[in-house]
């Protein structure tokens, strides 16, 4: 597996925004995976995807709060 190149931007805001975006995108993506698992009757897998979705939503919301706090400080 090839490692991603280092970030061209060395900035905490960039890092924070990137993680928030990734977390919320992954939470959104879980909706499809949950739907697929439910369609196939796999409630155990659907529940596991819901837990992942919840964790990513929580991380995204925490990250948004951190970003707002940092931006309001200047």
PDB file of N, CA and C in Angstrom:
ATOM      1  N   UNK A   1       0.844  -1.174   0.000  1.00  0.00           N
ATOM      2  CA  UNK A   1       0.000   0.000   0.000  1.00  0.00           C
ATOM      3  C   UNK A   1       0.888   1.234   0.000  1.00  0.00           C
ATOM      4  N   UNK A   2       0.573   2.158  -0.856  1.00  0.00           N
ATOM      5  CA  UNK A   2       1.349   3.381  -0.979  1.00  0.00           C
ATOM      6  C   UNK A   2       0.805   4.431  -0.032  1.00  0.00           C
ATOM      7  N   UNK A   3       1.695   5.051   0.689  1.00  0.00           N
ATOM      8  CA  UNK A   3       1.280   6.102   1.622  1.00  0.00           C
ATOM      9  C   UNK A   3       0.923   7.363   0.846  1.00  0.00           C
ATOM     10  N   UNK A   4      -0.050   8.096   1.374  1.00  0.00           N
ATOM     11  CA  UNK A   4      -0.429   9.366   0.767  1.00  0.00           C
ATOM     12  C   UNK A   4       0.702  10.361   0.949  1.00  0.00           C
ATOM     13  N   UNK A   5       0.871  11.258  -0.013  1.00  0.00           N
ATOM     14  CA  UNK A   5       1.922  12.264   0.151  1.00  0.00           C
ATOM     15  C   UNK A   5       1.581  13.181   1.317  1.00  0.00           C
ATOM     16  N   UNK A   6       2.594  13.778   1.910  1.00  0.00           N
ATOM     17  CA  UNK A   6       2.331  14.678   3.030  1.00  0.00           C
ATOM     18  C   UNK A   6       1.466  15.854   2.586  1.00  0.00           C
ATOM     19  N   UNK A   7       0.711  16.378   3.524  1.00  0.00           N
ATOM     20  CA  UNK A   7      -0.163  17.509   3.235  1.00  0.00           C
ATOM     21  C   UNK A   7       0.665  18.705   2.775  1.00  0.00           C
ATOM     22  N   UNK A   8       0.247  19.343   1.682  1.00  0.00           N
ATOM     23  CA  UNK A   8       0.976  20.524   1.223  1.00  0.00           C
ATOM     24  C   UNK A   8       0.740  21.728   2.123  1.00  0.00           C
ATOM     25  N   UNK A   9      -0.295  21.641   2.937  1.00  0.00           N
ATOM     26  CA  UNK A   9      -0.652  22.750   3.809  1.00  0.00           C
ATOM     27  C   UNK A   9      -0.394  22.321   5.250  1.00  0.00           C
ATOM     28  N   UNK A  10       0.483  23.009   5.916  1.00  0.00           N
ATOM     29  CA  UNK A  10       0.777  22.697   7.313  1.00  0.00           C
ATOM     30  C   UNK A  10       0.003  23.686   8.178  1.00  0.00           C
ATOM     31  N   UNK A  11      -1.225  23.330   8.438  1.00  0.00           N
ATOM     32  CA  UNK A  11      -2.115  24.255   9.116  1.00  0.00           C
ATOM     33  C   UNK A  11      -3.126  23.457   9.925  1.00  0.00           C
ATOM     34  N   UNK A  12      -3.276  23.803  11.193  1.00  0.00           N
ATOM     35  CA  UNK A  12      -4.231  23.087  12.046  1.00  0.00           C
ATOM     36  C   UNK A  12      -5.662  23.233  11.551  1.00  0.00           C
ATOM     37  N   UNK A  13      -6.013  24.389  10.990  1.00  0.00           N
ATOM     38  CA  UNK A  13      -7.371  24.570  10.464  1.00  0.00           C
ATOM     39  C   UNK A  13      -7.626  23.611   9.302  1.00  0.00           C
ATOM     40  N   UNK A  14      -6.672  23.492   8.431  1.00  0.00           N
ATOM     41  CA  UNK A  14      -6.800  22.577   7.299  1.00  0.00           C
ATOM     42  C   UNK A  14      -6.993  21.149   7.804  1.00  0.00           C
ATOM     43  N   UNK A  15      -6.175  20.747   8.754  1.00  0.00           N
ATOM     44  CA  UNK A  15      -6.278  19.396   9.311  1.00  0.00           C
ATOM     45  C   UNK A  15      -7.644  19.170   9.944  1.00  0.00           C
ATOM     46  N   UNK A  16      -8.107  20.143  10.721  1.00  0.00           N
ATOM     47  CA  UNK A  16      -9.397  20.025  11.402  1.00  0.00           C
ATOM     48  C   UNK A  16     -10.538  19.939  10.396  1.00  0.00           C
ATOM     49  N   UNK A  17     -10.524  20.814   9.401  1.00  0.00           N
ATOM     50  CA  UNK A  17     -11.573  20.789   8.380  1.00  0.00           C
ATOM     51  C   UNK A  17     -11.549  19.466   7.617  1.00  0.00           C
ATOM     52  N   UNK A  18     -10.356  18.957   7.325  1.00  0.00           N
ATOM     53  CA  UNK A  18     -10.238  17.692   6.606  1.00  0.00           C
ATOM     54  C   UNK A  18     -10.843  16.538   7.394  1.00  0.00           C
ATOM     55  N   UNK A  19     -10.585  16.507   8.694  1.00  0.00           N
ATOM     56  CA  UNK A  19     -11.118  15.432   9.529  1.00  0.00           C
ATOM     57  C   UNK A  19     -12.635  15.558   9.679  1.00  0.00           C
ATOM     58  N   UNK A  20     -13.130  16.786   9.842  1.00  0.00           N
ATOM     59  CA  UNK A  20     -14.579  16.996   9.935  1.00  0.00           C
ATOM     60  C   UNK A  20     -15.243  16.517   8.644  1.00  0.00           C
ATOM     61  N   UNK A  21     -14.687  16.913   7.518  1.00  0.00           N
ATOM     62  CA  UNK A  21     -15.255  16.517   6.225  1.00  0.00           C
ATOM     63  C   UNK A  21     -15.258  15.001   6.079  1.00  0.00           C
ATOM     64  N   UNK A  22     -14.151  14.371   6.404  1.00  0.00           N
ATOM     65  CA  UNK A  22     -14.058  12.912   6.276  1.00  0.00           C
ATOM     66  C   UNK A  22     -15.044  12.210   7.208  1.00  0.00           C
ATOM     67  N   UNK A  23     -15.161  12.692   8.434  1.00  0.00           N
ATOM     68  CA  UNK A  23     -16.074  12.078   9.401  1.00  0.00           C
ATOM     69  C   UNK A  23     -17.521  12.177   8.933  1.00  0.00           C
ATOM     70  N   UNK A  24     -17.922  13.360   8.476  1.00  0.00           N
ATOM     71  CA  UNK A  24     -19.304  13.551   8.046  1.00  0.00           C
ATOM     72  C   UNK A  24     -19.589  12.813   6.741  1.00  0.00           C
ATOM     73  N   UNK A  25     -18.616  12.743   5.861  1.00  0.00           N
ATOM     74  CA  UNK A  25     -18.798  11.979   4.622  1.00  0.00           C
ATOM     75  C   UNK A  25     -18.984  10.493   4.945  1.00  0.00           C
ATOM     76  N   UNK A  26     -18.172   9.997   5.852  1.00  0.00           N
ATOM     77  CA  UNK A  26     -18.266   8.589   6.214  1.00  0.00           C
ATOM     78  C   UNK A  26     -19.597   8.292   6.905  1.00  0.00           C
ATOM     79  N   UNK A  27     -20.061   9.208   7.752  1.00  0.00           N
ATOM     80  CA  UNK A  27     -21.372   9.029   8.387  1.00  0.00           C
ATOM     81  C   UNK A  27     -22.461   8.960   7.324  1.00  0.00           C
ATOM     82  N   UNK A  28     -22.373   9.822   6.324  1.00  0.00           N
ATOM     83  CA  UNK A  28     -23.349   9.839   5.235  1.00  0.00           C
ATOM     84  C   UNK A  28     -23.273   8.529   4.441  1.00  0.00           C
ATOM     85  N   UNK A  29     -22.064   8.057   4.187  1.00  0.00           N
ATOM     86  CA  UNK A  29     -21.858   6.826   3.432  1.00  0.00           C
ATOM     87  C   UNK A  29     -22.447   5.610   4.154  1.00  0.00           C
ATOM     88  N   UNK A  30     -22.431   5.620   5.472  1.00  0.00           N
ATOM     89  CA  UNK A  30     -22.974   4.509   6.252  1.00  0.00           C
ATOM     90  C   UNK A  30     -24.455   4.296   5.967  1.00  0.00           C
ATOM     91  N   UNK A  31     -25.185   5.366   5.594  1.00  0.00           N
ATOM     92  CA  UNK A  31     -26.610   5.209   5.284  1.00  0.00           C
ATOM     93  C   UNK A  31     -26.814   4.154   4.204  1.00  0.00           C
ATOM     94  N   UNK A  32     -25.980   4.194   3.177  1.00  0.00           N
ATOM     95  CA  UNK A  32     -26.099   3.220   2.095  1.00  0.00           C
ATOM     96  C   UNK A  32     -25.750   1.822   2.584  1.00  0.00           C
ATOM     97  N   UNK A  33     -24.696   1.723   3.389  1.00  0.00           N
ATOM     98  CA  UNK A  33     -24.290   0.418   3.894  1.00  0.00           C
ATOM     99  C   UNK A  33     -25.362  -0.173   4.807  1.00  0.00           C
ATOM    100  N   UNK A  34     -25.986   0.672   5.620  1.00  0.00           N
ATOM    101  CA  UNK A  34     -27.085   0.214   6.485  1.00  0.00           C
ATOM    102  C   UNK A  34     -28.235  -0.300   5.633  1.00  0.00           C
ATOM    103  N   UNK A  35     -28.566   0.466   4.610  1.00  0.00           N
ATOM    104  CA  UNK A  35     -29.651   0.070   3.710  1.00  0.00           C
ATOM    105  C   UNK A  35     -29.344  -1.267   3.028  1.00  0.00           C
ATOM    106  N   UNK A  36     -28.108  -1.430   2.581  1.00  0.00           N
ATOM    107  CA  UNK A  36     -27.709  -2.684   1.936  1.00  0.00           C
ATOM    108  C   UNK A  36     -27.836  -3.867   2.900  1.00  0.00           C
ATOM    109  N   UNK A  37     -27.354  -3.681   4.123  1.00  0.00           N
ATOM    110  CA  UNK A  37     -27.407  -4.761   5.115  1.00  0.00           C
ATOM    111  C   UNK A  37     -28.853  -5.105   5.460  1.00  0.00           C
ATOM    112  N   UNK A  38     -29.695  -4.082   5.621  1.00  0.00           N
ATOM    113  CA  UNK A  38     -31.106  -4.330   5.930  1.00  0.00           C
ATOM    114  C   UNK A  38     -31.799  -5.040   4.774  1.00  0.00           C
ATOM    115  N   UNK A  39     -31.488  -4.638   3.559  1.00  0.00           N
ATOM    116  CA  UNK A  39     -32.074  -5.286   2.384  1.00  0.00           C
ATOM    117  C   UNK A  39     -31.733  -6.768   2.362  1.00  0.00           C
ATOM    118  N   UNK A  40     -30.513  -7.085   2.798  1.00  0.00           N
ATOM    119  CA  UNK A  40     -30.066  -8.478   2.814  1.00  0.00           C
ATOM    120  C   UNK A  40     -30.455  -9.218   4.096  1.00  0.00           C
ATOM    121  N   UNK A  41     -31.167  -8.534   5.007  1.00  0.00           N
ATOM    122  CA  UNK A  41     -31.623  -9.169   6.233  1.00  0.00           C
ATOM    123  C   UNK A  41     -30.542  -9.359   7.281  1.00  0.00           C
ATOM    124  N   UNK A  42     -29.444  -8.635   7.160  1.00  0.00           N
ATOM    125  CA  UNK A  42     -28.331  -8.776   8.107  1.00  0.00           C
ATOM    126  C   UNK A  42     -28.416  -7.663   9.160  1.00  0.00           C
ATOM    127  N   UNK A  43     -29.231  -7.904  10.171  1.00  0.00           N
ATOM    128  CA  UNK A  43     -29.446  -6.877  11.200  1.00  0.00           C
ATOM    129  C   UNK A  43     -28.201  -6.634  12.041  1.00  0.00           C
ATOM    130  N   UNK A  44     -27.389  -7.657  12.234  1.00  0.00           N
ATOM    131  CA  UNK A  44     -26.160  -7.483  13.004  1.00  0.00           C
ATOM    132  C   UNK A  44     -25.218  -6.501  12.295  1.00  0.00           C
ATOM    133  N   UNK A  45     -25.048  -6.680  11.010  1.00  0.00           N
ATOM    134  CA  UNK A  45     -24.178  -5.795  10.242  1.00  0.00           C
ATOM    135  C   UNK A  45     -24.762  -4.385  10.179  1.00  0.00           C
ATOM    136  N   UNK A  46     -26.073  -4.267   9.990  1.00  0.00           N
ATOM    137  CA  UNK A  46     -26.721  -2.958   9.954  1.00  0.00           C
ATOM    138  C   UNK A  46     -26.504  -2.214  11.269  1.00  0.00           C
ATOM    139  N   UNK A  47     -26.611  -2.912  12.384  1.00  0.00           N
ATOM    140  CA  UNK A  47     -26.407  -2.282  13.691  1.00  0.00           C
ATOM    141  C   UNK A  47     -24.960  -1.829  13.861  1.00  0.00           C
ATOM    142  N   UNK A  48     -24.027  -2.628  13.394  1.00  0.00           N
ATOM    143  CA  UNK A  48     -22.616  -2.262  13.471  1.00  0.00           C
ATOM    144  C   UNK A  48     -22.349  -1.001  12.645  1.00  0.00           C
ATOM    145  N   UNK A  49     -22.942  -0.942  11.439  1.00  0.00           N
ATOM    146  CA  UNK A  49     -22.805   0.259  10.612  1.00  0.00           C
ATOM    147  C   UNK A  49     -23.430   1.472  11.307  1.00  0.00           C
ATOM    148  N   UNK A  50     -24.546   1.279  12.009  1.00  0.00           N
ATOM    149  CA  UNK A  50     -25.170   2.390  12.744  1.00  0.00           C
ATOM    150  C   UNK A  50     -24.238   2.928  13.832  1.00  0.00           C
ATOM    151  N   UNK A  51     -23.539   2.029  14.499  1.00  0.00           N
ATOM    152  CA  UNK A  51     -22.584   2.459  15.528  1.00  0.00           C
ATOM    153  C   UNK A  51     -21.458   3.282  14.904  1.00  0.00           C
ATOM    154  N   UNK A  52     -20.956   2.832  13.781  1.00  0.00           N
ATOM    155  CA  UNK A  52     -19.907   3.575  13.076  1.00  0.00           C
ATOM    156  C   UNK A  52     -20.454   4.936  12.643  1.00  0.00           C
ATOM    157  N   UNK A  53     -21.668   4.936  12.124  1.00  0.00           N
ATOM    158  CA  UNK A  53     -22.298   6.188  11.697  1.00  0.00           C
ATOM    159  C   UNK A  53     -22.404   7.152  12.876  1.00  0.00           C
ATOM    160  N   UNK A  54     -22.868   6.654  14.002  1.00  0.00           N
ATOM    161  CA  UNK A  54     -23.021   7.492  15.194  1.00  0.00           C
ATOM    162  C   UNK A  54     -21.670   8.074  15.626  1.00  0.00           C
ATOM    163  N   UNK A  55     -20.642   7.228  15.662  1.00  0.00           N
ATOM    164  CA  UNK A  55     -19.311   7.699  16.069  1.00  0.00           C
ATOM    165  C   UNK A  55     -18.782   8.775  15.125  1.00  0.00           C
ATOM    166  N   UNK A  56     -19.002   8.601  13.839  1.00  0.00           N
ATOM    167  CA  UNK A  56     -18.535   9.590  12.877  1.00  0.00           C
ATOM    168  C   UNK A  56     -19.339  10.884  12.956  1.00  0.00           C
ATOM    169  N   UNK A  57     -20.650  10.776  13.185  1.00  0.00           N
ATOM    170  CA  UNK A  57     -21.461  11.982  13.371  1.00  0.00           C
ATOM    171  C   UNK A  57     -20.991  12.746  14.603  1.00  0.00           C
ATOM    172  N   UNK A  58     -20.722  12.021  15.678  1.00  0.00           N
ATOM    173  CA  UNK A  58     -20.245  12.645  16.911  1.00  0.00           C
ATOM    174  C   UNK A  58     -18.901  13.342  16.680  1.00  0.00           C
ATOM    175  N   UNK A  59     -17.979  12.656  16.005  1.00  0.00           N
ATOM    176  CA  UNK A  59     -16.673  13.254  15.714  1.00  0.00           C
ATOM    177  C   UNK A  59     -16.825  14.489  14.831  1.00  0.00           C
ATOM    178  N   UNK A  60     -17.702  14.411  13.848  1.00  0.00           N
ATOM    179  CA  UNK A  60     -17.942  15.555  12.968  1.00  0.00           C
ATOM    180  C   UNK A  60     -18.498  16.748  13.726  1.00  0.00           C
ATOM    181  N   UNK A  61     -19.454  16.495  14.603  1.00  0.00           N
ATOM    182  CA  UNK A  61     -20.046  17.593  15.390  1.00  0.00           C
ATOM    183  C   UNK A  61     -19.025  18.192  16.354  1.00  0.00           C
ATOM    184  N   UNK A  62     -18.238  17.351  16.993  1.00  0.00           N
ATOM    185  CA  UNK A  62     -17.195  17.859  17.893  1.00  0.00           C
ATOM    186  C   UNK A  62     -16.182  18.698  17.118  1.00  0.00           C
ATOM    187  N   UNK A  63     -15.807  18.227  15.949  1.00  0.00           N
ATOM    188  CA  UNK A  63     -14.868  18.967  15.117  1.00  0.00           C
ATOM    189  C   UNK A  63     -15.428  20.305  14.677  1.00  0.00           C
ATOM    190  N   UNK A  64     -16.715  20.342  14.317  1.00  0.00           N
ATOM    191  CA  UNK A  64     -17.336  21.619  13.932  1.00  0.00           C
ATOM    192  C   UNK A  64     -17.313  22.591  15.100  1.00  0.00           C
ATOM    193  N   UNK A  65     -17.606  22.098  16.306  1.00  0.00           N
ATOM    194  CA  UNK A  65     -17.569  22.966  17.488  1.00  0.00           C
ATOM    195  C   UNK A  65     -16.156  23.495  17.738  1.00  0.00           C
ATOM    196  N   UNK A  66     -15.168  22.642  17.564  1.00  0.00           N
ATOM    197  CA  UNK A  66     -13.784  23.075  17.747  1.00  0.00           C
ATOM    198  C   UNK A  66     -13.402  24.122  16.707  1.00  0.00           C
ATOM    199  N   UNK A  67     -13.847  23.947  15.480  1.00  0.00           N
ATOM    200  CA  UNK A  67     -13.542  24.903  14.428  1.00  0.00           C
ATOM    201  C   UNK A  67     -14.188  26.256  14.707  1.00  0.00           C
ATOM    202  N   UNK A  68     -15.455  26.236  15.116  1.00  0.00           N
ATOM    203  CA  UNK A  68     -16.144  27.495  15.451  1.00  0.00           C
ATOM    204  C   UNK A  68     -15.419  28.216  16.570  1.00  0.00           C
ATOM    205  N   UNK A  69     -15.037  27.489  17.604  1.00  0.00           N
ATOM    206  CA  UNK A  69     -14.330  28.101  18.733  1.00  0.00           C
ATOM    207  C   UNK A  69     -13.017  28.723  18.287  1.00  0.00           C
ATOM    208  N   UNK A  70     -12.278  28.023  17.449  1.00  0.00           N
ATOM    209  CA  UNK A  70     -10.987  28.549  16.987  1.00  0.00           C
ATOM    210  C   UNK A  70     -11.159  29.749  16.077  1.00  0.00           C
ATOM    211  N   UNK A  71     -12.162  29.711  15.215  1.00  0.00           N
ATOM    212  CA  UNK A  71     -12.391  30.836  14.311  1.00  0.00           C
ATOM    213  C   UNK A  71     -12.878  32.069  15.066  1.00  0.00           C
ATOM    214  N   UNK A  72     -13.649  31.859  16.125  1.00  0.00           N
ATOM    215  CA  UNK A  72     -14.147  33.012  16.888  1.00  0.00           C
ATOM    216  C   UNK A  72     -13.048  33.688  17.697  1.00  0.00           C
ATOM    217  N   UNK A  73     -11.967  32.955  17.962  1.00  0.00           N
ATOM    218  CA  UNK A  73     -10.821  33.532  18.695  1.00  0.00           C
ATOM    219  C   UNK A  73      -9.945  34.375  17.774  1.00  0.00           C
ATOM    220  N   UNK A  74     -10.168  34.254  16.487  1.00  0.00           N
ATOM    221  CA  UNK A  74      -9.406  35.098  15.580  1.00  0.00           C
ATOM    222  C   UNK A  74      -8.530  34.317  14.749  1.00  0.00           C
TER     223      UNK A  74
END
